[in-house]
N, C-alpha and C. Protein backbone atom coordinates (compact mmCIF):
# COMPACT_ATOMS: atom_id res chain seq x y z
N MET A 1 22.79 -8.32 15.36
CA MET A 1 21.63 -7.55 15.06
C MET A 1 21.15 -8.04 13.52
N ALA A 2 22.14 -8.40 12.82
CA ALA A 2 21.70 -8.77 11.45
C ALA A 2 21.09 -10.20 11.28
N SER A 3 21.44 -10.94 12.21
CA SER A 3 20.84 -12.34 12.24
C SER A 3 21.15 -13.22 11.03
N VAL A 4 20.70 -14.53 11.18
CA VAL A 4 21.05 -15.33 10.13
C VAL A 4 20.54 -14.97 8.76
N ALA A 5 19.45 -14.20 8.76
CA ALA A 5 18.92 -13.76 7.45
C ALA A 5 19.98 -13.06 6.64
N GLU A 6 20.80 -12.37 7.21
CA GLU A 6 21.92 -11.58 6.59
C GLU A 6 22.84 -12.65 5.99
N GLN A 7 23.21 -13.62 6.83
CA GLN A 7 24.18 -14.63 6.31
C GLN A 7 23.70 -15.39 5.13
N LEU A 8 22.42 -15.65 5.05
CA LEU A 8 21.85 -16.57 4.03
C LEU A 8 21.40 -15.71 2.75
N SER A 9 21.66 -14.46 2.88
CA SER A 9 21.34 -13.49 1.78
C SER A 9 19.81 -13.36 1.68
N MET A 10 19.04 -13.70 2.68
CA MET A 10 17.61 -13.55 2.54
C MET A 10 17.26 -12.03 2.51
N LEU A 11 18.14 -11.22 3.04
CA LEU A 11 17.75 -9.85 3.04
C LEU A 11 17.75 -9.20 1.68
N ALA A 12 18.62 -9.62 0.73
CA ALA A 12 18.55 -9.13 -0.58
C ALA A 12 17.32 -9.76 -1.31
N LEU A 13 16.98 -10.97 -1.04
CA LEU A 13 15.83 -11.57 -1.52
C LEU A 13 14.47 -10.78 -1.30
N TYR A 14 14.34 -10.32 -0.04
CA TYR A 14 13.12 -9.78 0.38
C TYR A 14 13.14 -8.27 0.35
N THR A 15 14.18 -7.62 -0.02
CA THR A 15 14.31 -6.16 0.11
C THR A 15 14.64 -5.60 -1.25
N THR A 16 14.19 -5.97 -2.25
CA THR A 16 14.46 -5.42 -3.59
C THR A 16 13.80 -4.05 -3.74
N LYS A 17 12.69 -3.83 -2.87
CA LYS A 17 11.99 -2.59 -2.87
C LYS A 17 11.65 -2.10 -1.32
N ILE A 18 11.89 -0.87 -1.10
CA ILE A 18 11.42 -0.37 0.20
C ILE A 18 10.17 0.39 0.00
N HIS A 19 9.12 0.03 0.68
CA HIS A 19 7.90 0.76 0.65
C HIS A 19 7.91 2.06 1.49
N TRP A 20 8.47 3.10 0.90
CA TRP A 20 8.60 4.39 1.66
C TRP A 20 7.36 4.93 2.09
N ASP A 21 6.25 4.80 1.47
CA ASP A 21 5.00 5.27 1.92
C ASP A 21 4.27 4.35 3.06
N ASP A 22 4.92 3.21 3.36
CA ASP A 22 4.37 2.35 4.42
C ASP A 22 5.49 1.68 5.16
N LEU A 23 6.35 2.51 5.73
CA LEU A 23 7.36 1.86 6.59
C LEU A 23 6.82 1.15 7.95
N ARG A 24 5.57 1.34 8.11
CA ARG A 24 5.01 0.75 9.22
C ARG A 24 4.64 -0.77 8.96
N GLY A 25 4.61 -1.03 7.70
CA GLY A 25 4.38 -2.41 7.15
C GLY A 25 2.97 -2.84 7.21
N ARG A 26 1.98 -1.92 6.93
CA ARG A 26 0.70 -2.38 6.96
C ARG A 26 0.42 -3.14 5.66
N HIS A 27 1.23 -3.11 4.60
CA HIS A 27 0.98 -3.90 3.42
C HIS A 27 1.34 -5.34 3.49
N LEU A 28 2.11 -5.78 4.60
CA LEU A 28 2.73 -7.04 4.72
C LEU A 28 1.53 -7.90 5.16
N PRO A 29 1.48 -9.12 4.57
CA PRO A 29 0.29 -10.03 4.91
C PRO A 29 0.47 -10.71 6.31
N ASP A 30 1.71 -10.93 6.75
CA ASP A 30 1.74 -11.49 8.10
C ASP A 30 3.13 -11.04 8.74
N SER A 31 3.52 -11.73 9.83
CA SER A 31 4.75 -11.43 10.41
C SER A 31 5.88 -12.55 10.33
N GLY A 32 5.92 -13.10 9.03
CA GLY A 32 6.68 -14.14 8.82
C GLY A 32 8.10 -13.80 8.20
N GLU A 33 8.56 -14.45 7.24
CA GLU A 33 9.96 -14.42 6.86
C GLU A 33 10.26 -12.88 6.19
N ARG A 34 9.32 -12.51 5.41
CA ARG A 34 9.38 -11.20 4.73
C ARG A 34 9.67 -10.02 5.71
N PRO A 35 8.68 -9.82 6.61
CA PRO A 35 8.91 -8.75 7.52
C PRO A 35 10.06 -8.88 8.42
N TYR A 36 10.37 -10.18 8.89
CA TYR A 36 11.64 -10.46 9.65
C TYR A 36 12.85 -10.00 8.94
N THR A 37 13.02 -10.29 7.65
CA THR A 37 14.25 -10.01 7.01
C THR A 37 14.26 -8.59 6.66
N ILE A 38 13.14 -7.95 6.33
CA ILE A 38 13.07 -6.50 6.13
C ILE A 38 13.51 -5.67 7.30
N SER A 39 12.98 -6.32 8.49
CA SER A 39 13.53 -5.54 9.80
C SER A 39 14.95 -5.58 9.97
N LYS A 40 15.68 -6.60 9.54
CA LYS A 40 17.03 -6.60 9.65
C LYS A 40 17.81 -5.55 8.72
N VAL A 41 17.23 -5.39 7.54
CA VAL A 41 17.70 -4.40 6.72
C VAL A 41 17.68 -3.05 7.32
N TYR A 42 16.49 -2.83 7.86
CA TYR A 42 16.09 -1.48 8.42
C TYR A 42 17.05 -1.23 9.57
N ILE A 43 17.38 -2.25 10.42
CA ILE A 43 18.25 -2.04 11.54
C ILE A 43 19.58 -1.71 11.13
N LEU A 44 20.12 -2.40 10.08
CA LEU A 44 21.42 -2.10 9.61
C LEU A 44 21.58 -0.63 9.01
N MET A 45 20.53 -0.36 8.30
CA MET A 45 20.48 1.01 7.68
C MET A 45 20.36 2.14 8.75
N GLU A 46 19.54 1.90 9.71
CA GLU A 46 19.35 2.77 10.89
C GLU A 46 20.71 3.00 11.63
N SER A 47 21.39 1.93 11.98
CA SER A 47 22.63 1.89 12.65
C SER A 47 23.69 2.66 11.97
N ARG A 48 23.60 2.48 10.62
CA ARG A 48 24.75 3.24 9.78
C ARG A 48 24.44 4.71 9.84
N GLU A 49 23.18 5.17 9.72
CA GLU A 49 22.85 6.54 9.63
C GLU A 49 23.07 7.19 10.96
N LEU A 50 22.72 6.56 12.10
CA LEU A 50 22.92 6.97 13.53
C LEU A 50 24.29 7.13 13.71
N ALA A 51 25.20 6.20 13.35
CA ALA A 51 26.59 6.30 13.53
C ALA A 51 27.22 7.48 12.89
N ARG A 52 26.61 7.77 11.63
CA ARG A 52 27.13 8.95 10.94
C ARG A 52 26.84 10.22 11.67
N ARG A 53 25.65 10.36 12.24
CA ARG A 53 25.21 11.50 12.85
C ARG A 53 25.88 11.72 14.24
N LEU A 54 26.45 10.73 14.68
CA LEU A 54 27.05 10.80 16.13
C LEU A 54 28.68 10.74 16.05
N GLU A 55 29.05 10.88 14.83
CA GLU A 55 30.57 11.06 14.66
C GLU A 55 31.09 12.04 15.39
N GLY A 56 32.21 11.90 16.10
CA GLY A 56 32.77 13.02 16.82
C GLY A 56 32.25 13.16 18.28
N THR A 57 31.29 12.56 18.58
CA THR A 57 30.58 12.66 19.86
C THR A 57 31.17 11.82 21.07
N GLY A 58 31.88 10.72 20.66
CA GLY A 58 32.26 9.81 21.72
C GLY A 58 31.31 8.72 21.83
N VAL A 59 30.16 8.64 21.20
CA VAL A 59 29.17 7.56 21.30
C VAL A 59 29.28 6.65 20.11
N ASP A 60 29.61 5.55 20.31
CA ASP A 60 29.67 4.38 19.18
C ASP A 60 28.34 3.72 18.92
N VAL A 61 27.99 3.47 17.74
CA VAL A 61 26.83 2.69 17.39
C VAL A 61 27.26 1.45 16.67
N ILE A 62 27.16 0.48 17.28
CA ILE A 62 27.60 -0.90 16.88
C ILE A 62 26.53 -1.93 16.62
N ALA A 63 26.54 -2.32 15.45
CA ALA A 63 25.44 -3.48 15.13
C ALA A 63 26.14 -4.78 15.38
N VAL A 64 25.33 -5.75 15.99
CA VAL A 64 25.82 -7.10 16.16
C VAL A 64 24.93 -8.18 15.67
N HIS A 65 25.49 -9.33 15.41
CA HIS A 65 24.87 -10.50 14.92
C HIS A 65 24.88 -11.57 15.84
N PRO A 66 23.91 -11.78 16.69
CA PRO A 66 24.09 -12.91 17.64
C PRO A 66 24.07 -14.35 16.98
N GLY A 67 23.47 -14.42 15.84
CA GLY A 67 23.38 -15.78 15.11
C GLY A 67 22.25 -16.71 15.73
N ILE A 68 22.25 -17.93 15.36
CA ILE A 68 21.37 -18.93 15.83
C ILE A 68 21.65 -19.46 17.13
N ALA A 69 20.71 -19.42 18.09
CA ALA A 69 21.03 -19.97 19.44
C ALA A 69 19.95 -20.99 19.75
N ASN A 70 20.36 -22.00 20.51
CA ASN A 70 19.43 -23.03 20.94
C ASN A 70 18.53 -22.69 22.04
N SER A 71 17.69 -21.64 21.69
CA SER A 71 16.81 -21.08 22.79
C SER A 71 15.28 -21.72 22.32
N THR A 72 14.40 -21.07 23.02
CA THR A 72 13.04 -21.54 22.84
C THR A 72 12.37 -20.78 21.58
N TRP A 73 13.20 -20.15 20.73
CA TRP A 73 12.57 -19.47 19.62
C TRP A 73 11.87 -20.36 18.68
N PHE A 74 12.33 -21.73 18.44
CA PHE A 74 11.77 -22.49 17.54
C PHE A 74 10.32 -23.01 17.85
N LEU A 75 9.93 -22.77 19.29
CA LEU A 75 8.62 -23.11 19.57
C LEU A 75 7.60 -22.08 19.05
N LYS A 76 8.18 -20.91 18.68
CA LYS A 76 7.25 -19.81 18.29
C LYS A 76 7.39 -19.74 16.77
N SER A 77 8.20 -20.50 16.06
CA SER A 77 8.25 -20.37 14.58
C SER A 77 7.21 -21.03 13.91
N ASP A 78 6.86 -20.50 12.70
CA ASP A 78 5.90 -20.96 11.93
C ASP A 78 6.44 -21.97 10.90
N PRO A 79 6.06 -23.25 10.95
CA PRO A 79 6.58 -24.24 10.08
C PRO A 79 6.22 -24.12 8.53
N ARG A 80 5.40 -23.08 8.29
CA ARG A 80 4.99 -22.80 6.83
C ARG A 80 6.22 -22.25 6.15
N TYR A 81 7.19 -21.79 6.99
CA TYR A 81 8.37 -21.17 6.39
C TYR A 81 9.57 -22.20 6.29
N LEU A 82 10.38 -22.20 5.12
CA LEU A 82 11.36 -23.09 5.02
C LEU A 82 12.30 -23.39 6.13
N PHE A 83 12.98 -22.33 6.78
CA PHE A 83 13.84 -22.64 7.77
C PHE A 83 13.28 -23.27 9.08
N ALA A 84 12.02 -22.71 9.40
CA ALA A 84 11.29 -23.23 10.53
C ALA A 84 10.88 -24.59 10.30
N TRP A 85 10.51 -24.97 9.13
CA TRP A 85 10.14 -26.29 8.66
C TRP A 85 11.25 -27.29 8.94
N LEU A 86 12.40 -26.89 8.45
CA LEU A 86 13.63 -27.76 8.47
C LEU A 86 14.03 -27.97 9.94
N VAL A 87 13.92 -27.02 10.78
CA VAL A 87 14.19 -27.38 12.12
C VAL A 87 13.26 -28.23 12.88
N ASP A 88 11.87 -28.00 12.57
CA ASP A 88 10.80 -28.84 12.97
C ASP A 88 11.07 -30.29 12.65
N ARG A 89 11.37 -30.46 11.32
CA ARG A 89 11.52 -31.91 10.84
C ARG A 89 12.75 -32.46 11.41
N THR A 90 13.96 -31.72 11.64
CA THR A 90 15.15 -32.32 12.26
C THR A 90 14.84 -32.66 13.66
N ARG A 91 13.99 -31.99 14.42
CA ARG A 91 13.71 -32.40 15.81
C ARG A 91 12.70 -33.53 15.74
N ALA A 92 11.89 -33.62 14.84
CA ALA A 92 10.96 -34.70 14.74
C ALA A 92 11.75 -36.07 14.57
N LEU A 93 12.82 -35.92 13.77
CA LEU A 93 13.46 -37.16 13.35
C LEU A 93 14.51 -37.58 14.42
N LEU A 94 15.16 -36.55 14.96
CA LEU A 94 16.25 -36.94 15.76
C LEU A 94 16.04 -36.68 17.35
N GLY A 95 14.83 -35.96 17.63
CA GLY A 95 14.47 -35.77 19.09
C GLY A 95 14.86 -34.43 19.44
N ASP A 96 14.28 -33.94 20.61
CA ASP A 96 14.48 -32.62 21.20
C ASP A 96 15.86 -32.47 21.77
N TRP A 97 16.69 -33.50 21.88
CA TRP A 97 17.95 -33.33 22.38
C TRP A 97 18.98 -32.62 21.33
N VAL A 98 18.52 -32.66 20.14
CA VAL A 98 19.35 -31.97 19.09
C VAL A 98 19.33 -30.53 19.21
N GLY A 99 20.53 -29.96 19.28
CA GLY A 99 20.60 -28.53 19.51
C GLY A 99 20.52 -27.84 18.24
N VAL A 100 19.97 -26.58 18.23
CA VAL A 100 19.88 -25.82 16.98
C VAL A 100 20.80 -24.69 17.09
N GLY A 101 22.01 -24.73 16.41
CA GLY A 101 22.99 -23.71 16.60
C GLY A 101 23.69 -23.79 17.78
N GLN A 102 24.11 -22.61 18.37
CA GLN A 102 25.00 -22.48 19.46
C GLN A 102 24.10 -22.39 20.82
N SER A 103 24.76 -22.38 21.98
CA SER A 103 24.10 -22.19 23.13
C SER A 103 23.59 -20.85 23.36
N VAL A 104 22.75 -20.49 24.27
CA VAL A 104 22.37 -19.13 24.51
C VAL A 104 23.50 -18.28 25.03
N GLU A 105 24.37 -18.96 25.83
CA GLU A 105 25.46 -18.20 26.32
C GLU A 105 26.48 -17.75 25.39
N THR A 106 26.77 -18.43 24.43
CA THR A 106 27.69 -18.07 23.25
C THR A 106 27.01 -17.21 22.33
N GLY A 107 25.64 -17.27 22.30
CA GLY A 107 24.89 -16.38 21.50
C GLY A 107 24.92 -15.01 21.93
N ALA A 108 25.27 -14.76 23.15
CA ALA A 108 25.40 -13.34 23.76
C ALA A 108 26.76 -12.78 23.52
N ILE A 109 27.70 -13.44 23.16
CA ILE A 109 29.06 -13.11 23.08
C ILE A 109 29.24 -11.83 22.21
N SER A 110 28.67 -11.85 20.97
CA SER A 110 28.89 -10.69 20.12
C SER A 110 28.31 -9.31 20.76
N THR A 111 27.21 -9.44 21.56
CA THR A 111 26.57 -8.28 22.13
C THR A 111 27.42 -7.84 23.32
N ILE A 112 27.90 -8.74 24.06
CA ILE A 112 28.89 -8.38 25.14
C ILE A 112 30.25 -7.80 24.70
N TYR A 113 30.58 -8.43 23.67
CA TYR A 113 31.95 -7.92 23.02
C TYR A 113 31.82 -6.44 22.53
N ALA A 114 30.64 -6.17 21.82
CA ALA A 114 30.37 -4.77 21.21
C ALA A 114 30.24 -3.92 22.54
N SER A 115 29.81 -4.34 23.59
CA SER A 115 29.48 -3.46 24.64
C SER A 115 30.76 -3.10 25.53
N ILE A 116 31.71 -3.95 25.71
CA ILE A 116 32.86 -3.71 26.53
C ILE A 116 34.25 -3.78 25.88
N ALA A 117 34.38 -4.31 24.74
CA ALA A 117 35.64 -4.34 24.12
C ALA A 117 36.36 -3.13 23.92
N PRO A 118 37.58 -2.91 24.56
CA PRO A 118 38.28 -1.70 24.42
C PRO A 118 38.72 -1.26 23.04
N GLU A 119 38.99 -2.32 22.33
CA GLU A 119 39.52 -2.04 20.89
C GLU A 119 38.43 -1.47 20.08
N LEU A 120 37.08 -1.47 20.46
CA LEU A 120 36.07 -0.96 19.69
C LEU A 120 35.61 0.51 20.03
N THR A 121 36.36 0.91 21.07
CA THR A 121 36.11 2.40 21.44
C THR A 121 36.51 3.32 20.31
N GLY A 122 35.58 4.11 20.02
CA GLY A 122 35.75 5.10 18.94
C GLY A 122 35.61 4.49 17.40
N ILE A 123 35.18 3.13 17.34
CA ILE A 123 35.04 2.51 16.11
C ILE A 123 34.10 3.37 15.12
N THR A 124 33.08 3.85 15.63
CA THR A 124 32.29 4.68 14.78
C THR A 124 32.22 6.12 14.95
N SER A 125 32.48 6.48 16.29
CA SER A 125 32.45 7.91 16.67
C SER A 125 33.81 8.71 16.26
N SER A 126 34.74 8.05 16.03
CA SER A 126 36.09 8.58 15.60
C SER A 126 35.92 9.25 14.24
N ILE A 127 36.46 10.47 14.17
CA ILE A 127 36.53 11.13 12.91
C ILE A 127 37.48 10.36 11.89
N GLU A 128 38.58 9.80 12.49
CA GLU A 128 39.56 9.07 11.73
C GLU A 128 39.03 7.68 11.30
N SER A 129 39.46 7.28 10.21
CA SER A 129 39.03 5.89 9.67
C SER A 129 39.84 4.84 10.45
N TYR A 130 39.10 3.62 10.60
CA TYR A 130 39.82 2.53 11.34
C TYR A 130 40.10 1.48 10.26
N GLY A 131 41.35 1.64 9.71
CA GLY A 131 41.86 0.67 8.78
C GLY A 131 41.40 1.00 7.38
N ILE A 132 41.86 0.19 6.37
CA ILE A 132 41.73 0.48 5.06
C ILE A 132 40.21 0.24 4.58
N TRP A 133 39.63 -0.87 5.11
CA TRP A 133 38.29 -1.03 4.62
C TRP A 133 37.20 -0.06 5.20
N ASP A 134 37.48 0.46 6.42
CA ASP A 134 36.72 1.48 6.94
C ASP A 134 36.89 2.85 5.96
N SER A 135 38.13 3.07 5.64
CA SER A 135 38.32 4.26 4.77
C SER A 135 37.69 4.13 3.50
N ILE A 136 37.71 2.84 2.77
CA ILE A 136 37.16 2.63 1.56
C ILE A 136 35.58 2.84 1.59
N CYS A 137 34.93 2.24 2.76
CA CYS A 137 33.54 2.29 2.97
C CYS A 137 33.03 3.79 3.01
N ARG A 138 33.87 4.55 3.81
CA ARG A 138 33.60 5.88 4.09
C ARG A 138 33.71 6.77 2.79
N SER A 139 34.72 6.46 1.98
CA SER A 139 34.98 7.11 0.73
C SER A 139 33.94 6.79 -0.36
N LEU A 140 33.60 5.57 -0.59
CA LEU A 140 32.73 5.16 -1.56
C LEU A 140 31.30 5.33 -1.19
N PHE A 141 31.02 4.94 -0.07
CA PHE A 141 29.52 4.78 0.42
C PHE A 141 29.17 5.91 1.54
N GLY A 142 30.05 6.66 2.05
CA GLY A 142 29.71 7.77 2.91
C GLY A 142 29.32 7.25 4.18
N GLY A 143 29.85 6.03 4.74
CA GLY A 143 29.47 5.81 6.11
C GLY A 143 30.26 4.40 6.56
N ARG A 144 30.15 4.22 7.88
CA ARG A 144 30.56 2.91 8.41
C ARG A 144 29.62 1.75 8.16
N LEU A 145 30.00 0.53 7.74
CA LEU A 145 29.09 -0.36 7.39
C LEU A 145 29.34 -1.78 8.12
N ARG A 146 30.32 -1.85 8.87
CA ARG A 146 30.69 -3.14 9.39
C ARG A 146 29.66 -3.38 10.67
N TYR A 147 29.56 -4.76 10.85
CA TYR A 147 28.89 -5.15 12.13
C TYR A 147 29.59 -6.37 12.68
N TYR A 148 29.29 -6.87 13.90
CA TYR A 148 30.06 -7.86 14.43
C TYR A 148 29.29 -9.04 14.83
N GLY A 149 29.78 -10.30 14.51
CA GLY A 149 29.18 -11.52 14.68
C GLY A 149 29.91 -12.67 14.14
N PRO A 150 29.21 -13.77 13.83
CA PRO A 150 29.93 -14.97 13.26
C PRO A 150 30.32 -14.70 11.80
N SER A 151 31.28 -15.45 11.49
CA SER A 151 31.84 -15.35 10.02
C SER A 151 30.86 -15.73 8.98
N TYR A 152 31.10 -15.40 7.86
CA TYR A 152 30.21 -15.75 6.59
C TYR A 152 30.13 -17.24 6.48
N LEU A 153 31.11 -17.93 6.89
CA LEU A 153 31.18 -19.42 6.66
C LEU A 153 30.32 -20.12 7.66
N MET A 154 29.92 -19.33 8.81
CA MET A 154 29.10 -19.86 9.81
C MET A 154 29.66 -21.06 10.48
N LEU A 155 30.97 -21.00 10.66
CA LEU A 155 31.52 -22.29 11.19
C LEU A 155 31.27 -22.41 12.65
N ARG A 156 30.85 -21.22 13.35
CA ARG A 156 30.62 -21.34 14.72
C ARG A 156 29.32 -22.13 15.04
N LEU A 157 28.49 -22.43 14.02
CA LEU A 157 27.34 -23.34 14.27
C LEU A 157 27.78 -24.65 14.60
N LEU A 158 28.95 -24.98 14.21
CA LEU A 158 29.53 -26.35 14.58
C LEU A 158 30.41 -26.25 15.79
N GLN A 159 31.21 -25.22 15.79
CA GLN A 159 32.21 -25.07 16.90
C GLN A 159 32.10 -23.99 17.89
N ASN A 160 31.08 -23.12 17.75
CA ASN A 160 30.83 -21.90 18.63
C ASN A 160 32.15 -21.11 18.73
N TRP A 161 32.66 -20.69 17.58
CA TRP A 161 33.84 -19.80 17.63
C TRP A 161 33.64 -18.60 16.67
N ASN A 162 34.42 -17.56 16.83
CA ASN A 162 34.51 -16.43 15.84
C ASN A 162 33.13 -15.62 16.12
N ASN A 163 32.59 -15.62 17.18
CA ASN A 163 31.30 -14.77 17.36
C ASN A 163 31.61 -13.34 17.39
N THR A 164 32.88 -12.93 17.19
CA THR A 164 33.18 -11.50 17.22
C THR A 164 33.85 -11.12 16.02
N GLY A 165 33.67 -11.82 14.84
CA GLY A 165 34.20 -11.52 13.61
C GLY A 165 33.61 -10.22 13.04
N ARG A 166 34.41 -9.63 12.19
CA ARG A 166 33.90 -8.35 11.58
C ARG A 166 33.18 -8.74 10.17
N CYS A 167 32.00 -8.27 10.03
CA CYS A 167 31.19 -8.63 8.89
C CYS A 167 30.82 -7.34 8.12
N TYR A 168 30.48 -7.57 6.85
CA TYR A 168 29.93 -6.49 6.11
C TYR A 168 28.68 -6.88 5.40
N PRO A 169 27.66 -6.04 5.40
CA PRO A 169 26.36 -6.37 4.86
C PRO A 169 26.33 -6.90 3.43
N LEU A 170 25.48 -7.76 3.10
CA LEU A 170 25.35 -8.25 1.71
C LEU A 170 24.23 -7.52 0.98
N THR A 171 23.19 -6.87 1.64
CA THR A 171 22.16 -6.19 1.00
C THR A 171 22.57 -4.91 0.37
N PRO A 172 22.32 -4.47 -0.75
CA PRO A 172 22.72 -3.22 -1.40
C PRO A 172 22.10 -2.03 -0.65
N TRP A 173 20.96 -2.02 0.04
CA TRP A 173 20.39 -0.91 0.54
C TRP A 173 21.32 -0.24 1.69
N VAL A 174 21.98 -1.04 2.35
CA VAL A 174 22.83 -0.58 3.38
C VAL A 174 24.02 0.34 2.95
N TYR A 175 24.40 0.15 1.60
CA TYR A 175 25.38 0.92 1.01
C TYR A 175 24.84 2.18 0.43
N ASN A 176 23.67 2.44 0.45
CA ASN A 176 22.98 3.59 -0.07
C ASN A 176 22.79 4.66 0.90
N LYS A 177 23.67 5.68 0.88
CA LYS A 177 23.64 6.74 1.89
C LYS A 177 22.48 7.43 1.95
N ALA A 178 21.88 7.84 0.85
CA ALA A 178 20.58 8.59 0.80
C ALA A 178 19.39 7.82 1.32
N ALA A 179 19.47 6.56 0.98
CA ALA A 179 18.23 5.57 1.46
C ALA A 179 18.37 5.52 3.02
N CYS A 180 19.53 5.35 3.66
CA CYS A 180 19.67 5.27 4.96
C CYS A 180 19.23 6.56 5.69
N LYS A 181 19.63 7.69 5.08
CA LYS A 181 19.17 8.92 5.75
C LYS A 181 17.56 9.09 5.59
N ARG A 182 16.97 8.67 4.51
CA ARG A 182 15.59 8.84 4.41
C ARG A 182 14.94 7.81 5.22
N LEU A 183 15.46 6.57 5.55
CA LEU A 183 14.78 5.75 6.39
C LEU A 183 14.81 6.23 7.84
N PHE A 184 15.96 6.75 8.28
CA PHE A 184 16.22 7.21 9.56
C PHE A 184 15.18 8.44 9.86
N GLU A 185 15.00 9.31 8.95
CA GLU A 185 14.08 10.39 9.16
C GLU A 185 12.66 9.91 9.11
N GLY A 186 12.30 8.95 8.17
CA GLY A 186 10.97 8.33 8.23
C GLY A 186 10.63 7.68 9.30
N THR A 187 11.60 6.96 9.90
CA THR A 187 11.34 6.38 11.31
C THR A 187 11.06 7.33 12.48
N GLN A 188 11.69 8.44 12.42
CA GLN A 188 11.45 9.40 13.30
C GLN A 188 10.04 9.89 13.36
N GLU A 189 9.52 10.15 12.06
CA GLU A 189 8.13 10.63 11.81
C GLU A 189 7.19 9.49 12.33
N LEU A 190 7.57 8.22 12.09
CA LEU A 190 6.62 7.21 12.39
C LEU A 190 6.52 7.09 13.86
N ILE A 191 7.65 7.20 14.65
CA ILE A 191 7.69 7.14 16.11
C ILE A 191 6.75 8.28 16.60
N LYS A 192 6.80 9.43 16.17
CA LYS A 192 5.93 10.46 16.53
C LYS A 192 4.44 10.15 16.25
N GLU A 193 4.22 9.53 15.11
CA GLU A 193 2.77 9.07 14.73
C GLU A 193 2.30 8.07 15.80
N VAL A 194 3.17 7.12 16.10
CA VAL A 194 2.68 6.12 17.08
C VAL A 194 2.58 6.56 18.46
N GLU A 195 3.42 7.57 18.86
CA GLU A 195 3.35 8.17 20.15
C GLU A 195 1.99 9.02 20.20
N MET A 196 1.58 9.66 19.05
CA MET A 196 0.31 10.40 19.17
C MET A 196 -0.85 9.38 19.30
N GLU A 197 -0.72 8.18 18.68
CA GLU A 197 -1.83 7.24 18.76
C GLU A 197 -1.94 6.67 20.27
N LEU A 198 -0.72 6.39 20.73
CA LEU A 198 -0.79 5.87 22.14
C LEU A 198 -1.31 6.91 23.13
N ALA A 199 -1.21 8.25 22.84
CA ALA A 199 -1.69 9.31 23.70
C ALA A 199 -3.17 9.43 23.63
N GLN A 200 -3.84 8.72 22.65
CA GLN A 200 -5.27 8.84 22.54
C GLN A 200 -5.87 7.47 23.08
N PRO A 201 -6.40 7.48 24.32
CA PRO A 201 -6.96 6.24 24.84
C PRO A 201 -7.96 5.55 24.12
N ASN A 202 -8.86 6.24 23.18
CA ASN A 202 -9.79 5.63 22.58
C ASN A 202 -9.52 5.17 21.18
N LYS A 203 -8.19 5.33 20.86
CA LYS A 203 -7.88 4.95 19.46
C LYS A 203 -7.22 3.58 19.43
N GLY A 204 -7.65 2.83 18.61
CA GLY A 204 -7.05 1.40 18.48
C GLY A 204 -5.63 1.50 18.05
N PHE A 205 -4.83 0.60 18.54
CA PHE A 205 -3.36 0.49 18.14
C PHE A 205 -3.07 -0.86 18.00
N THR A 206 -2.57 -1.28 16.67
CA THR A 206 -2.13 -2.53 16.38
C THR A 206 -0.81 -2.88 16.70
N ARG A 207 -0.46 -3.86 17.44
CA ARG A 207 0.87 -4.32 17.74
C ARG A 207 1.30 -5.57 16.88
N VAL A 208 2.38 -5.43 16.18
CA VAL A 208 2.85 -6.55 15.30
C VAL A 208 3.94 -7.21 16.01
N GLN A 209 3.73 -8.51 16.37
CA GLN A 209 4.69 -9.23 17.17
C GLN A 209 5.66 -9.85 16.19
N GLY A 210 6.94 -9.98 16.61
CA GLY A 210 8.08 -10.54 15.95
C GLY A 210 9.31 -10.61 16.65
N THR A 211 10.30 -11.13 16.11
CA THR A 211 11.60 -11.17 16.70
C THR A 211 12.39 -9.93 16.50
N ALA A 212 13.21 -9.49 17.43
CA ALA A 212 14.07 -8.24 17.24
C ALA A 212 15.35 -8.74 17.19
N SER A 213 16.25 -7.90 16.47
CA SER A 213 17.73 -8.05 16.53
C SER A 213 18.18 -7.17 17.55
N ASN A 214 19.55 -7.31 17.68
CA ASN A 214 20.26 -6.59 18.65
C ASN A 214 20.87 -5.39 18.01
N GLY A 215 20.65 -4.12 18.45
CA GLY A 215 21.19 -2.91 18.09
C GLY A 215 21.73 -2.16 19.35
N MET A 216 22.87 -1.56 19.33
CA MET A 216 23.24 -0.93 20.45
C MET A 216 24.19 0.24 20.31
N ALA A 217 24.07 1.22 21.32
CA ALA A 217 24.92 2.30 21.25
C ALA A 217 25.75 2.25 22.56
N ARG A 218 26.86 2.75 22.59
CA ARG A 218 27.67 2.76 23.72
C ARG A 218 28.54 4.12 23.72
N SER A 219 28.73 4.52 24.94
CA SER A 219 29.63 5.81 25.12
C SER A 219 31.05 5.49 25.47
N ALA A 220 31.92 6.14 24.91
CA ALA A 220 33.23 5.86 25.07
C ALA A 220 33.63 6.21 26.55
């Protein structure tokens, strides 16, 4: 769910400020890198708050990071942005046979792992802490912060391994309990607002296209 943006610290670069009065993102000029990385921060924050609310229910909320996969995503990327430009130039020089990241099959590993791995049962829904880091995060920051995916060294881009590693966010917003709660409640209000708009057939509704990360909840 966190995507490569988290691994490259792009999240911290683009999310020094959250526009609480515009969670819908109307102020954003396009659907490029900035809204993309902001969306990753929001998903991590929402996952943390939802996990907190579901503690003791038997329902785990697990954030996953699928990483870069050699799918058709690059065909939809805008070369005006640095990473998309680098991919475009690499393919232009070396040909379409050059893979970008891992295969789509291995890209699905982190999601599948979070869905069915028995050792993750109760990982966020349990009242008890899971290990020392979980205990520290709950004590200092008031919630569970881990997500699962490739390691910070991103070695799997070369060897497709460790897609189920335990990761902790780099962006400070995810460690802010009050901000996560505020975002969650603000999102609930935003959903109601959009539902009301959709219920009015004569009212225009703007859809913003973009890539989505993987977030999931599962029941024990």
